[in-house]
């Protein structure tokens, strides 16, 4: 959860990581 929240704060990777991070959660 923390990793997903932190990564979503970086605009350049928000779209790339959103699906992957949500899968991890």
PDBML (XML) file of the C-alpha atoms, coordinates in Angstrom:
<?xml version="1.0" encoding="UTF-8" ?>
<PDBx:datablock datablockName="MODEL"
   xmlns:PDBx="http://pdbml.pdb.org/schema/pdbx-v50.xsd"
   xmlns:xsi="http://www.w3.org/2001/XMLSchema-instance"
   xsi:schemaLocation="http://pdbml.pdb.org/schema/pdbx-v50.xsd pdbx-v50.xsd">
   <PDBx:atom_siteCategory>
      <PDBx:atom_site id="1">
         <PDBx:B_iso_or_equiv>0.00</PDBx:B_iso_or_equiv>
         <PDBx:Cartn_x>0.000</PDBx:Cartn_x>
         <PDBx:Cartn_y>0.000</PDBx:Cartn_y>
         <PDBx:Cartn_z>0.000</PDBx:Cartn_z>
         <PDBx:auth_asym_id>A</PDBx:auth_asym_id>
         <PDBx:auth_atom_id>CA</PDBx:auth_atom_id>
         <PDBx:auth_comp_id>UNK</PDBx:auth_comp_id>
         <PDBx:auth_seq_id>1</PDBx:auth_seq_id>
         <PDBx:group_PDB>ATOM</PDBx:group_PDB>
         <PDBx:label_alt_id xsi:nil="true" />
         <PDBx:label_asym_id>A</PDBx:label_asym_id>
         <PDBx:label_atom_id>CA</PDBx:label_atom_id>
         <PDBx:label_comp_id>UNK</PDBx:label_comp_id>
         <PDBx:label_entity_id>1</PDBx:label_entity_id>
         <PDBx:label_seq_id>1</PDBx:label_seq_id>
         <PDBx:occupancy>1.00</PDBx:occupancy>
         <PDBx:pdbx_PDB_model_num>1</PDBx:pdbx_PDB_model_num>
         <PDBx:type_symbol>C</PDBx:type_symbol>
      </PDBx:atom_site>
      <PDBx:atom_site id="2">
         <PDBx:B_iso_or_equiv>0.00</PDBx:B_iso_or_equiv>
         <PDBx:Cartn_x>2.765</PDBx:Cartn_x>
         <PDBx:Cartn_y>2.468</PDBx:Cartn_y>
         <PDBx:Cartn_z>0.956</PDBx:Cartn_z>
         <PDBx:auth_asym_id>A</PDBx:auth_asym_id>
         <PDBx:auth_atom_id>CA</PDBx:auth_atom_id>
         <PDBx:auth_comp_id>UNK</PDBx:auth_comp_id>
         <PDBx:auth_seq_id>2</PDBx:auth_seq_id>
         <PDBx:group_PDB>ATOM</PDBx:group_PDB>
         <PDBx:label_alt_id xsi:nil="true" />
         <PDBx:label_asym_id>A</PDBx:label_asym_id>
         <PDBx:label_atom_id>CA</PDBx:label_atom_id>
         <PDBx:label_comp_id>UNK</PDBx:label_comp_id>
         <PDBx:label_entity_id>1</PDBx:label_entity_id>
         <PDBx:label_seq_id>2</PDBx:label_seq_id>
         <PDBx:occupancy>1.00</PDBx:occupancy>
         <PDBx:pdbx_PDB_model_num>1</PDBx:pdbx_PDB_model_num>
         <PDBx:type_symbol>C</PDBx:type_symbol>
      </PDBx:atom_site>
      <PDBx:atom_site id="3">
         <PDBx:B_iso_or_equiv>0.00</PDBx:B_iso_or_equiv>
         <PDBx:Cartn_x>4.751</PDBx:Cartn_x>
         <PDBx:Cartn_y>1.662</PDBx:Cartn_y>
         <PDBx:Cartn_z>-2.181</PDBx:Cartn_z>
         <PDBx:auth_asym_id>A</PDBx:auth_asym_id>
         <PDBx:auth_atom_id>CA</PDBx:auth_atom_id>
         <PDBx:auth_comp_id>UNK</PDBx:auth_comp_id>
         <PDBx:auth_seq_id>3</PDBx:auth_seq_id>
         <PDBx:group_PDB>ATOM</PDBx:group_PDB>
         <PDBx:label_alt_id xsi:nil="true" />
         <PDBx:label_asym_id>A</PDBx:label_asym_id>
         <PDBx:label_atom_id>CA</PDBx:label_atom_id>
         <PDBx:label_comp_id>UNK</PDBx:label_comp_id>
         <PDBx:label_entity_id>1</PDBx:label_entity_id>
         <PDBx:label_seq_id>3</PDBx:label_seq_id>
         <PDBx:occupancy>1.00</PDBx:occupancy>
         <PDBx:pdbx_PDB_model_num>1</PDBx:pdbx_PDB_model_num>
         <PDBx:type_symbol>C</PDBx:type_symbol>
      </PDBx:atom_site>
      <PDBx:atom_site id="4">
         <PDBx:B_iso_or_equiv>0.00</PDBx:B_iso_or_equiv>
         <PDBx:Cartn_x>1.676</PDBx:Cartn_x>
         <PDBx:Cartn_y>2.166</PDBx:Cartn_y>
         <PDBx:Cartn_z>-4.371</PDBx:Cartn_z>
         <PDBx:auth_asym_id>A</PDBx:auth_asym_id>
         <PDBx:auth_atom_id>CA</PDBx:auth_atom_id>
         <PDBx:auth_comp_id>UNK</PDBx:auth_comp_id>
         <PDBx:auth_seq_id>4</PDBx:auth_seq_id>
         <PDBx:group_PDB>ATOM</PDBx:group_PDB>
         <PDBx:label_alt_id xsi:nil="true" />
         <PDBx:label_asym_id>A</PDBx:label_asym_id>
         <PDBx:label_atom_id>CA</PDBx:label_atom_id>
         <PDBx:label_comp_id>UNK</PDBx:label_comp_id>
         <PDBx:label_entity_id>1</PDBx:label_entity_id>
         <PDBx:label_seq_id>4</PDBx:label_seq_id>
         <PDBx:occupancy>1.00</PDBx:occupancy>
         <PDBx:pdbx_PDB_model_num>1</PDBx:pdbx_PDB_model_num>
         <PDBx:type_symbol>C</PDBx:type_symbol>
      </PDBx:atom_site>
      <PDBx:atom_site id="5">
         <PDBx:B_iso_or_equiv>0.00</PDBx:B_iso_or_equiv>
         <PDBx:Cartn_x>0.886</PDBx:Cartn_x>
         <PDBx:Cartn_y>5.491</PDBx:Cartn_y>
         <PDBx:Cartn_z>-2.717</PDBx:Cartn_z>
         <PDBx:auth_asym_id>A</PDBx:auth_asym_id>
         <PDBx:auth_atom_id>CA</PDBx:auth_atom_id>
         <PDBx:auth_comp_id>UNK</PDBx:auth_comp_id>
         <PDBx:auth_seq_id>5</PDBx:auth_seq_id>
         <PDBx:group_PDB>ATOM</PDBx:group_PDB>
         <PDBx:label_alt_id xsi:nil="true" />
         <PDBx:label_asym_id>A</PDBx:label_asym_id>
         <PDBx:label_atom_id>CA</PDBx:label_atom_id>
         <PDBx:label_comp_id>UNK</PDBx:label_comp_id>
         <PDBx:label_entity_id>1</PDBx:label_entity_id>
         <PDBx:label_seq_id>5</PDBx:label_seq_id>
         <PDBx:occupancy>1.00</PDBx:occupancy>
         <PDBx:pdbx_PDB_model_num>1</PDBx:pdbx_PDB_model_num>
         <PDBx:type_symbol>C</PDBx:type_symbol>
      </PDBx:atom_site>
      <PDBx:atom_site id="6">
         <PDBx:B_iso_or_equiv>0.00</PDBx:B_iso_or_equiv>
         <PDBx:Cartn_x>4.461</PDBx:Cartn_x>
         <PDBx:Cartn_y>6.727</PDBx:Cartn_y>
         <PDBx:Cartn_z>-3.065</PDBx:Cartn_z>
         <PDBx:auth_asym_id>A</PDBx:auth_asym_id>
         <PDBx:auth_atom_id>CA</PDBx:auth_atom_id>
         <PDBx:auth_comp_id>UNK</PDBx:auth_comp_id>
         <PDBx:auth_seq_id>6</PDBx:auth_seq_id>
         <PDBx:group_PDB>ATOM</PDBx:group_PDB>
         <PDBx:label_alt_id xsi:nil="true" />
         <PDBx:label_asym_id>A</PDBx:label_asym_id>
         <PDBx:label_atom_id>CA</PDBx:label_atom_id>
         <PDBx:label_comp_id>UNK</PDBx:label_comp_id>
         <PDBx:label_entity_id>1</PDBx:label_entity_id>
         <PDBx:label_seq_id>6</PDBx:label_seq_id>
         <PDBx:occupancy>1.00</PDBx:occupancy>
         <PDBx:pdbx_PDB_model_num>1</PDBx:pdbx_PDB_model_num>
         <PDBx:type_symbol>C</PDBx:type_symbol>
      </PDBx:atom_site>
      <PDBx:atom_site id="7">
         <PDBx:B_iso_or_equiv>0.00</PDBx:B_iso_or_equiv>
         <PDBx:Cartn_x>4.801</PDBx:Cartn_x>
         <PDBx:Cartn_y>5.646</PDBx:Cartn_y>
         <PDBx:Cartn_z>-6.692</PDBx:Cartn_z>
         <PDBx:auth_asym_id>A</PDBx:auth_asym_id>
         <PDBx:auth_atom_id>CA</PDBx:auth_atom_id>
         <PDBx:auth_comp_id>UNK</PDBx:auth_comp_id>
         <PDBx:auth_seq_id>7</PDBx:auth_seq_id>
         <PDBx:group_PDB>ATOM</PDBx:group_PDB>
         <PDBx:label_alt_id xsi:nil="true" />
         <PDBx:label_asym_id>A</PDBx:label_asym_id>
         <PDBx:label_atom_id>CA</PDBx:label_atom_id>
         <PDBx:label_comp_id>UNK</PDBx:label_comp_id>
         <PDBx:label_entity_id>1</PDBx:label_entity_id>
         <PDBx:label_seq_id>7</PDBx:label_seq_id>
         <PDBx:occupancy>1.00</PDBx:occupancy>
         <PDBx:pdbx_PDB_model_num>1</PDBx:pdbx_PDB_model_num>
         <PDBx:type_symbol>C</PDBx:type_symbol>
      </PDBx:atom_site>
      <PDBx:atom_site id="8">
         <PDBx:B_iso_or_equiv>0.00</PDBx:B_iso_or_equiv>
         <PDBx:Cartn_x>1.498</PDBx:Cartn_x>
         <PDBx:Cartn_y>7.288</PDBx:Cartn_y>
         <PDBx:Cartn_z>-7.582</PDBx:Cartn_z>
         <PDBx:auth_asym_id>A</PDBx:auth_asym_id>
         <PDBx:auth_atom_id>CA</PDBx:auth_atom_id>
         <PDBx:auth_comp_id>UNK</PDBx:auth_comp_id>
         <PDBx:auth_seq_id>8</PDBx:auth_seq_id>
         <PDBx:group_PDB>ATOM</PDBx:group_PDB>
         <PDBx:label_alt_id xsi:nil="true" />
         <PDBx:label_asym_id>A</PDBx:label_asym_id>
         <PDBx:label_atom_id>CA</PDBx:label_atom_id>
         <PDBx:label_comp_id>UNK</PDBx:label_comp_id>
         <PDBx:label_entity_id>1</PDBx:label_entity_id>
         <PDBx:label_seq_id>8</PDBx:label_seq_id>
         <PDBx:occupancy>1.00</PDBx:occupancy>
         <PDBx:pdbx_PDB_model_num>1</PDBx:pdbx_PDB_model_num>
         <PDBx:type_symbol>C</PDBx:type_symbol>
      </PDBx:atom_site>
      <PDBx:atom_site id="9">
         <PDBx:B_iso_or_equiv>0.00</PDBx:B_iso_or_equiv>
         <PDBx:Cartn_x>2.916</PDBx:Cartn_x>
         <PDBx:Cartn_y>10.609</PDBx:Cartn_y>
         <PDBx:Cartn_z>-6.348</PDBx:Cartn_z>
         <PDBx:auth_asym_id>A</PDBx:auth_asym_id>
         <PDBx:auth_atom_id>CA</PDBx:auth_atom_id>
         <PDBx:auth_comp_id>UNK</PDBx:auth_comp_id>
         <PDBx:auth_seq_id>9</PDBx:auth_seq_id>
         <PDBx:group_PDB>ATOM</PDBx:group_PDB>
         <PDBx:label_alt_id xsi:nil="true" />
         <PDBx:label_asym_id>A</PDBx:label_asym_id>
         <PDBx:label_atom_id>CA</PDBx:label_atom_id>
         <PDBx:label_comp_id>UNK</PDBx:label_comp_id>
         <PDBx:label_entity_id>1</PDBx:label_entity_id>
         <PDBx:label_seq_id>9</PDBx:label_seq_id>
         <PDBx:occupancy>1.00</PDBx:occupancy>
         <PDBx:pdbx_PDB_model_num>1</PDBx:pdbx_PDB_model_num>
         <PDBx:type_symbol>C</PDBx:type_symbol>
      </PDBx:atom_site>
      <PDBx:atom_site id="10">
         <PDBx:B_iso_or_equiv>0.00</PDBx:B_iso_or_equiv>
         <PDBx:Cartn_x>5.449</PDBx:Cartn_x>
         <PDBx:Cartn_y>10.602</PDBx:Cartn_y>
         <PDBx:Cartn_z>-9.204</PDBx:Cartn_z>
         <PDBx:auth_asym_id>A</PDBx:auth_asym_id>
         <PDBx:auth_atom_id>CA</PDBx:auth_atom_id>
         <PDBx:auth_comp_id>UNK</PDBx:auth_comp_id>
         <PDBx:auth_seq_id>10</PDBx:auth_seq_id>
         <PDBx:group_PDB>ATOM</PDBx:group_PDB>
         <PDBx:label_alt_id xsi:nil="true" />
         <PDBx:label_asym_id>A</PDBx:label_asym_id>
         <PDBx:label_atom_id>CA</PDBx:label_atom_id>
         <PDBx:label_comp_id>UNK</PDBx:label_comp_id>
         <PDBx:label_entity_id>1</PDBx:label_entity_id>
         <PDBx:label_seq_id>10</PDBx:label_seq_id>
         <PDBx:occupancy>1.00</PDBx:occupancy>
         <PDBx:pdbx_PDB_model_num>1</PDBx:pdbx_PDB_model_num>
         <PDBx:type_symbol>C</PDBx:type_symbol>
      </PDBx:atom_site>
      <PDBx:atom_site id="11">
         <PDBx:B_iso_or_equiv>0.00</PDBx:B_iso_or_equiv>
         <PDBx:Cartn_x>3.574</PDBx:Cartn_x>
         <PDBx:Cartn_y>11.771</PDBx:Cartn_y>
         <PDBx:Cartn_z>-12.316</PDBx:Cartn_z>
         <PDBx:auth_asym_id>A</PDBx:auth_asym_id>
         <PDBx:auth_atom_id>CA</PDBx:auth_atom_id>
         <PDBx:auth_comp_id>UNK</PDBx:auth_comp_id>
         <PDBx:auth_seq_id>11</PDBx:auth_seq_id>
         <PDBx:group_PDB>ATOM</PDBx:group_PDB>
         <PDBx:label_alt_id xsi:nil="true" />
         <PDBx:label_asym_id>A</PDBx:label_asym_id>
         <PDBx:label_atom_id>CA</PDBx:label_atom_id>
         <PDBx:label_comp_id>UNK</PDBx:label_comp_id>
         <PDBx:label_entity_id>1</PDBx:label_entity_id>
         <PDBx:label_seq_id>11</PDBx:label_seq_id>
         <PDBx:occupancy>1.00</PDBx:occupancy>
         <PDBx:pdbx_PDB_model_num>1</PDBx:pdbx_PDB_model_num>
         <PDBx:type_symbol>C</PDBx:type_symbol>
      </PDBx:atom_site>
      <PDBx:atom_site id="12">
         <PDBx:B_iso_or_equiv>0.00</PDBx:B_iso_or_equiv>
         <PDBx:Cartn_x>5.977</PDBx:Cartn_x>
         <PDBx:Cartn_y>10.218</PDBx:Cartn_y>
         <PDBx:Cartn_z>-14.847</PDBx:Cartn_z>
         <PDBx:auth_asym_id>A</PDBx:auth_asym_id>
         <PDBx:auth_atom_id>CA</PDBx:auth_atom_id>
         <PDBx:auth_comp_id>UNK</PDBx:auth_comp_id>
         <PDBx:auth_seq_id>12</PDBx:auth_seq_id>
         <PDBx:group_PDB>ATOM</PDBx:group_PDB>
         <PDBx:label_alt_id xsi:nil="true" />
         <PDBx:label_asym_id>A</PDBx:label_asym_id>
         <PDBx:label_atom_id>CA</PDBx:label_atom_id>
         <PDBx:label_comp_id>UNK</PDBx:label_comp_id>
         <PDBx:label_entity_id>1</PDBx:label_entity_id>
         <PDBx:label_seq_id>12</PDBx:label_seq_id>
         <PDBx:occupancy>1.00</PDBx:occupancy>
         <PDBx:pdbx_PDB_model_num>1</PDBx:pdbx_PDB_model_num>
         <PDBx:type_symbol>C</PDBx:type_symbol>
      </PDBx:atom_site>
      <PDBx:atom_site id="13">
         <PDBx:B_iso_or_equiv>0.00</PDBx:B_iso_or_equiv>
         <PDBx:Cartn_x>5.323</PDBx:Cartn_x>
         <PDBx:Cartn_y>6.689</PDBx:Cartn_y>
         <PDBx:Cartn_z>-13.590</PDBx:Cartn_z>
         <PDBx:auth_asym_id>A</PDBx:auth_asym_id>
         <PDBx:auth_atom_id>CA</PDBx:auth_atom_id>
         <PDBx:auth_comp_id>UNK</PDBx:auth_comp_id>
         <PDBx:auth_seq_id>13</PDBx:auth_seq_id>
         <PDBx:group_PDB>ATOM</PDBx:group_PDB>
         <PDBx:label_alt_id xsi:nil="true" />
         <PDBx:label_asym_id>A</PDBx:label_asym_id>
         <PDBx:label_atom_id>CA</PDBx:label_atom_id>
         <PDBx:label_comp_id>UNK</PDBx:label_comp_id>
         <PDBx:label_entity_id>1</PDBx:label_entity_id>
         <PDBx:label_seq_id>13</PDBx:label_seq_id>
         <PDBx:occupancy>1.00</PDBx:occupancy>
         <PDBx:pdbx_PDB_model_num>1</PDBx:pdbx_PDB_model_num>
         <PDBx:type_symbol>C</PDBx:type_symbol>
      </PDBx:atom_site>
      <PDBx:atom_site id="14">
         <PDBx:B_iso_or_equiv>0.00</PDBx:B_iso_or_equiv>
         <PDBx:Cartn_x>1.794</PDBx:Cartn_x>
         <PDBx:Cartn_y>7.003</PDBx:Cartn_y>
         <PDBx:Cartn_z>-12.211</PDBx:Cartn_z>
         <PDBx:auth_asym_id>A</PDBx:auth_asym_id>
         <PDBx:auth_atom_id>CA</PDBx:auth_atom_id>
         <PDBx:auth_comp_id>UNK</PDBx:auth_comp_id>
         <PDBx:auth_seq_id>14</PDBx:auth_seq_id>
         <PDBx:group_PDB>ATOM</PDBx:group_PDB>
         <PDBx:label_alt_id xsi:nil="true" />
         <PDBx:label_asym_id>A</PDBx:label_asym_id>
         <PDBx:label_atom_id>CA</PDBx:label_atom_id>
         <PDBx:label_comp_id>UNK</PDBx:label_comp_id>
         <PDBx:label_entity_id>1</PDBx:label_entity_id>
         <PDBx:label_seq_id>14</PDBx:label_seq_id>
         <PDBx:occupancy>1.00</PDBx:occupancy>
         <PDBx:pdbx_PDB_model_num>1</PDBx:pdbx_PDB_model_num>
         <PDBx:type_symbol>C</PDBx:type_symbol>
      </PDBx:atom_site>
      <PDBx:atom_site id="15">
         <PDBx:B_iso_or_equiv>0.00</PDBx:B_iso_or_equiv>
         <PDBx:Cartn_x>0.156</PDBx:Cartn_x>
         <PDBx:Cartn_y>5.611</PDBx:Cartn_y>
         <PDBx:Cartn_z>-15.349</PDBx:Cartn_z>
         <PDBx:auth_asym_id>A</PDBx:auth_asym_id>
         <PDBx:auth_atom_id>CA</PDBx:auth_atom_id>
         <PDBx:auth_comp_id>UNK</PDBx:auth_comp_id>
         <PDBx:auth_seq_id>15</PDBx:auth_seq_id>
         <PDBx:group_PDB>ATOM</PDBx:group_PDB>
         <PDBx:label_alt_id xsi:nil="true" />
         <PDBx:label_asym_id>A</PDBx:label_asym_id>
         <PDBx:label_atom_id>CA</PDBx:label_atom_id>
         <PDBx:label_comp_id>UNK</PDBx:label_comp_id>
         <PDBx:label_entity_id>1</PDBx:label_entity_id>
         <PDBx:label_seq_id>15</PDBx:label_seq_id>
         <PDBx:occupancy>1.00</PDBx:occupancy>
         <PDBx:pdbx_PDB_model_num>1</PDBx:pdbx_PDB_model_num>
         <PDBx:type_symbol>C</PDBx:type_symbol>
      </PDBx:atom_site>
      <PDBx:atom_site id="16">
         <PDBx:B_iso_or_equiv>0.00</PDBx:B_iso_or_equiv>
         <PDBx:Cartn_x>2.772</PDBx:Cartn_x>
         <PDBx:Cartn_y>2.924</PDBx:Cartn_y>
         <PDBx:Cartn_z>-15.905</PDBx:Cartn_z>
         <PDBx:auth_asym_id>A</PDBx:auth_asym_id>
         <PDBx:auth_atom_id>CA</PDBx:auth_atom_id>
         <PDBx:auth_comp_id>UNK</PDBx:auth_comp_id>
         <PDBx:auth_seq_id>16</PDBx:auth_seq_id>
         <PDBx:group_PDB>ATOM</PDBx:group_PDB>
         <PDBx:label_alt_id xsi:nil="true" />
         <PDBx:label_asym_id>A</PDBx:label_asym_id>
         <PDBx:label_atom_id>CA</PDBx:label_atom_id>
         <PDBx:label_comp_id>UNK</PDBx:label_comp_id>
         <PDBx:label_entity_id>1</PDBx:label_entity_id>
         <PDBx:label_seq_id>16</PDBx:label_seq_id>
         <PDBx:occupancy>1.00</PDBx:occupancy>
         <PDBx:pdbx_PDB_model_num>1</PDBx:pdbx_PDB_model_num>
         <PDBx:type_symbol>C</PDBx:type_symbol>
      </PDBx:atom_site>
      <PDBx:atom_site id="17">
         <PDBx:B_iso_or_equiv>0.00</PDBx:B_iso_or_equiv>
         <PDBx:Cartn_x>2.797</PDBx:Cartn_x>
         <PDBx:Cartn_y>1.575</PDBx:Cartn_y>
         <PDBx:Cartn_z>-12.353</PDBx:Cartn_z>
         <PDBx:auth_asym_id>A</PDBx:auth_asym_id>
         <PDBx:auth_atom_id>CA</PDBx:auth_atom_id>
         <PDBx:auth_comp_id>UNK</PDBx:auth_comp_id>
         <PDBx:auth_seq_id>17</PDBx:auth_seq_id>
         <PDBx:group_PDB>ATOM</PDBx:group_PDB>
         <PDBx:label_alt_id xsi:nil="true" />
         <PDBx:label_asym_id>A</PDBx:label_asym_id>
         <PDBx:label_atom_id>CA</PDBx:label_atom_id>
         <PDBx:label_comp_id>UNK</PDBx:label_comp_id>
         <PDBx:label_entity_id>1</PDBx:label_entity_id>
         <PDBx:label_seq_id>17</PDBx:label_seq_id>
         <PDBx:occupancy>1.00</PDBx:occupancy>
         <PDBx:pdbx_PDB_model_num>1</PDBx:pdbx_PDB_model_num>
         <PDBx:type_symbol>C</PDBx:type_symbol>
      </PDBx:atom_site>
      <PDBx:atom_site id="18">
         <PDBx:B_iso_or_equiv>0.00</PDBx:B_iso_or_equiv>
         <PDBx:Cartn_x>-0.857</PDBx:Cartn_x>
         <PDBx:Cartn_y>1.938</PDBx:Cartn_y>
         <PDBx:Cartn_z>-11.375</PDBx:Cartn_z>
         <PDBx:auth_asym_id>A</PDBx:auth_asym_id>
         <PDBx:auth_atom_id>CA</PDBx:auth_atom_id>
         <PDBx:auth_comp_id>UNK</PDBx:auth_comp_id>
         <PDBx:auth_seq_id>18</PDBx:auth_seq_id>
         <PDBx:group_PDB>ATOM</PDBx:group_PDB>
         <PDBx:label_alt_id xsi:nil="true" />
         <PDBx:label_asym_id>A</PDBx:label_asym_id>
         <PDBx:label_atom_id>CA</PDBx:label_atom_id>
         <PDBx:label_comp_id>UNK</PDBx:label_comp_id>
         <PDBx:label_entity_id>1</PDBx:label_entity_id>
         <PDBx:label_seq_id>18</PDBx:label_seq_id>
         <PDBx:occupancy>1.00</PDBx:occupancy>
         <PDBx:pdbx_PDB_model_num>1</PDBx:pdbx_PDB_model_num>
         <PDBx:type_symbol>C</PDBx:type_symbol>
      </PDBx:atom_site>
      <PDBx:atom_site id="19">
         <PDBx:B_iso_or_equiv>0.00</PDBx:B_iso_or_equiv>
         <PDBx:Cartn_x>-2.022</PDBx:Cartn_x>
         <PDBx:Cartn_y>-1.445</PDBx:Cartn_y>
         <PDBx:Cartn_z>-12.658</PDBx:Cartn_z>
         <PDBx:auth_asym_id>A</PDBx:auth_asym_id>
         <PDBx:auth_atom_id>CA</PDBx:auth_atom_id>
         <PDBx:auth_comp_id>UNK</PDBx:auth_comp_id>
         <PDBx:auth_seq_id>19</PDBx:auth_seq_id>
         <PDBx:group_PDB>ATOM</PDBx:group_PDB>
         <PDBx:label_alt_id xsi:nil="true" />
         <PDBx:label_asym_id>A</PDBx:label_asym_id>
         <PDBx:label_atom_id>CA</PDBx:label_atom_id>
         <PDBx:label_comp_id>UNK</PDBx:label_comp_id>
         <PDBx:label_entity_id>1</PDBx:label_entity_id>
         <PDBx:label_seq_id>19</PDBx:label_seq_id>
         <PDBx:occupancy>1.00</PDBx:occupancy>
         <PDBx:pdbx_PDB_model_num>1</PDBx:pdbx_PDB_model_num>
         <PDBx:type_symbol>C</PDBx:type_symbol>
      </PDBx:atom_site>
      <PDBx:atom_site id="20">
         <PDBx:B_iso_or_equiv>0.00</PDBx:B_iso_or_equiv>
         <PDBx:Cartn_x>1.084</PDBx:Cartn_x>
         <PDBx:Cartn_y>-3.296</PDBx:Cartn_y>
         <PDBx:Cartn_z>-11.454</PDBx:Cartn_z>
         <PDBx:auth_asym_id>A</PDBx:auth_asym_id>
         <PDBx:auth_atom_id>CA</PDBx:auth_atom_id>
         <PDBx:auth_comp_id>UNK</PDBx:auth_comp_id>
         <PDBx:auth_seq_id>20</PDBx:auth_seq_id>
         <PDBx:group_PDB>ATOM</PDBx:group_PDB>
         <PDBx:label_alt_id xsi:nil="true" />
         <PDBx:label_asym_id>A</PDBx:label_asym_id>
         <PDBx:label_atom_id>CA</PDBx:label_atom_id>
         <PDBx:label_comp_id>UNK</PDBx:label_comp_id>
         <PDBx:label_entity_id>1</PDBx:label_entity_id>
         <PDBx:label_seq_id>20</PDBx:label_seq_id>
         <PDBx:occupancy>1.00</PDBx:occupancy>
         <PDBx:pdbx_PDB_model_num>1</PDBx:pdbx_PDB_model_num>
         <PDBx:type_symbol>C</PDBx:type_symbol>
      </PDBx:atom_site>
      <PDBx:atom_site id="21">
         <PDBx:B_iso_or_equiv>0.00</PDBx:B_iso_or_equiv>
         <PDBx:Cartn_x>0.978</PDBx:Cartn_x>
         <PDBx:Cartn_y>-1.687</PDBx:Cartn_y>
         <PDBx:Cartn_z>-8.012</PDBx:Cartn_z>
         <PDBx:auth_asym_id>A</PDBx:auth_asym_id>
         <PDBx:auth_atom_id>CA</PDBx:auth_atom_id>
         <PDBx:auth_comp_id>UNK</PDBx:auth_comp_id>
         <PDBx:auth_seq_id>21</PDBx:auth_seq_id>
         <PDBx:group_PDB>ATOM</PDBx:group_PDB>
         <PDBx:label_alt_id xsi:nil="true" />
         <PDBx:label_asym_id>A</PDBx:label_asym_id>
         <PDBx:label_atom_id>CA</PDBx:label_atom_id>
         <PDBx:label_comp_id>UNK</PDBx:label_comp_id>
         <PDBx:label_entity_id>1</PDBx:label_entity_id>
         <PDBx:label_seq_id>21</PDBx:label_seq_id>
         <PDBx:occupancy>1.00</PDBx:occupancy>
         <PDBx:pdbx_PDB_model_num>1</PDBx:pdbx_PDB_model_num>
         <PDBx:type_symbol>C</PDBx:type_symbol>
      </PDBx:atom_site>
      <PDBx:atom_site id="22">
         <PDBx:B_iso_or_equiv>0.00</PDBx:B_iso_or_equiv>
         <PDBx:Cartn_x>-2.723</PDBx:Cartn_x>
         <PDBx:Cartn_y>-2.409</PDBx:Cartn_y>
         <PDBx:Cartn_z>-7.614</PDBx:Cartn_z>
         <PDBx:auth_asym_id>A</PDBx:auth_asym_id>
         <PDBx:auth_atom_id>CA</PDBx:auth_atom_id>
         <PDBx:auth_comp_id>UNK</PDBx:auth_comp_id>
         <PDBx:auth_seq_id>22</PDBx:auth_seq_id>
         <PDBx:group_PDB>ATOM</PDBx:group_PDB>
         <PDBx:label_alt_id xsi:nil="true" />
         <PDBx:label_asym_id>A</PDBx:label_asym_id>
         <PDBx:label_atom_id>CA</PDBx:label_atom_id>
         <PDBx:label_comp_id>UNK</PDBx:label_comp_id>
         <PDBx:label_entity_id>1</PDBx:label_entity_id>
         <PDBx:label_seq_id>22</PDBx:label_seq_id>
         <PDBx:occupancy>1.00</PDBx:occupancy>
         <PDBx:pdbx_PDB_model_num>1</PDBx:pdbx_PDB_model_num>
         <PDBx:type_symbol>C</PDBx:type_symbol>
      </PDBx:atom_site>
      <PDBx:atom_site id="23">
         <PDBx:B_iso_or_equiv>0.00</PDBx:B_iso_or_equiv>
         <PDBx:Cartn_x>-2.053</PDBx:Cartn_x>
         <PDBx:Cartn_y>-6.048</PDBx:Cartn_y>
         <PDBx:Cartn_z>-8.513</PDBx:Cartn_z>
         <PDBx:auth_asym_id>A</PDBx:auth_asym_id>
         <PDBx:auth_atom_id>CA</PDBx:auth_atom_id>
         <PDBx:auth_comp_id>UNK</PDBx:auth_comp_id>
         <PDBx:auth_seq_id>23</PDBx:auth_seq_id>
         <PDBx:group_PDB>ATOM</PDBx:group_PDB>
         <PDBx:label_alt_id xsi:nil="true" />
         <PDBx:label_asym_id>A</PDBx:label_asym_id>
         <PDBx:label_atom_id>CA</PDBx:label_atom_id>
         <PDBx:label_comp_id>UNK</PDBx:label_comp_id>
         <PDBx:label_entity_id>1</PDBx:label_entity_id>
         <PDBx:label_seq_id>23</PDBx:label_seq_id>
         <PDBx:occupancy>1.00</PDBx:occupancy>
         <PDBx:pdbx_PDB_model_num>1</PDBx:pdbx_PDB_model_num>
         <PDBx:type_symbol>C</PDBx:type_symbol>
      </PDBx:atom_site>
      <PDBx:atom_site id="24">
         <PDBx:B_iso_or_equiv>0.00</PDBx:B_iso_or_equiv>
         <PDBx:Cartn_x>0.574</PDBx:Cartn_x>
         <PDBx:Cartn_y>-6.182</PDBx:Cartn_y>
         <PDBx:Cartn_z>-5.761</PDBx:Cartn_z>
         <PDBx:auth_asym_id>A</PDBx:auth_asym_id>
         <PDBx:auth_atom_id>CA</PDBx:auth_atom_id>
         <PDBx:auth_comp_id>UNK</PDBx:auth_comp_id>
         <PDBx:auth_seq_id>24</PDBx:auth_seq_id>
         <PDBx:group_PDB>ATOM</PDBx:group_PDB>
         <PDBx:label_alt_id xsi:nil="true" />
         <PDBx:label_asym_id>A</PDBx:label_asym_id>
         <PDBx:label_atom_id>CA</PDBx:label_atom_id>
         <PDBx:label_comp_id>UNK</PDBx:label_comp_id>
         <PDBx:label_entity_id>1</PDBx:label_entity_id>
         <PDBx:label_seq_id>24</PDBx:label_seq_id>
         <PDBx:occupancy>1.00</PDBx:occupancy>
         <PDBx:pdbx_PDB_model_num>1</PDBx:pdbx_PDB_model_num>
         <PDBx:type_symbol>C</PDBx:type_symbol>
      </PDBx:atom_site>
      <PDBx:atom_site id="25">
         <PDBx:B_iso_or_equiv>0.00</PDBx:B_iso_or_equiv>
         <PDBx:Cartn_x>-1.884</PDBx:Cartn_x>
         <PDBx:Cartn_y>-4.733</PDBx:Cartn_y>
         <PDBx:Cartn_z>-3.236</PDBx:Cartn_z>
         <PDBx:auth_asym_id>A</PDBx:auth_asym_id>
         <PDBx:auth_atom_id>CA</PDBx:auth_atom_id>
         <PDBx:auth_comp_id>UNK</PDBx:auth_comp_id>
         <PDBx:auth_seq_id>25</PDBx:auth_seq_id>
         <PDBx:group_PDB>ATOM</PDBx:group_PDB>
         <PDBx:label_alt_id xsi:nil="true" />
         <PDBx:label_asym_id>A</PDBx:label_asym_id>
         <PDBx:label_atom_id>CA</PDBx:label_atom_id>
         <PDBx:label_comp_id>UNK</PDBx:label_comp_id>
         <PDBx:label_entity_id>1</PDBx:label_entity_id>
         <PDBx:label_seq_id>25</PDBx:label_seq_id>
         <PDBx:occupancy>1.00</PDBx:occupancy>
         <PDBx:pdbx_PDB_model_num>1</PDBx:pdbx_PDB_model_num>
         <PDBx:type_symbol>C</PDBx:type_symbol>
      </PDBx:atom_site>
   </PDBx:atom_siteCategory>
</PDBx:datablock>
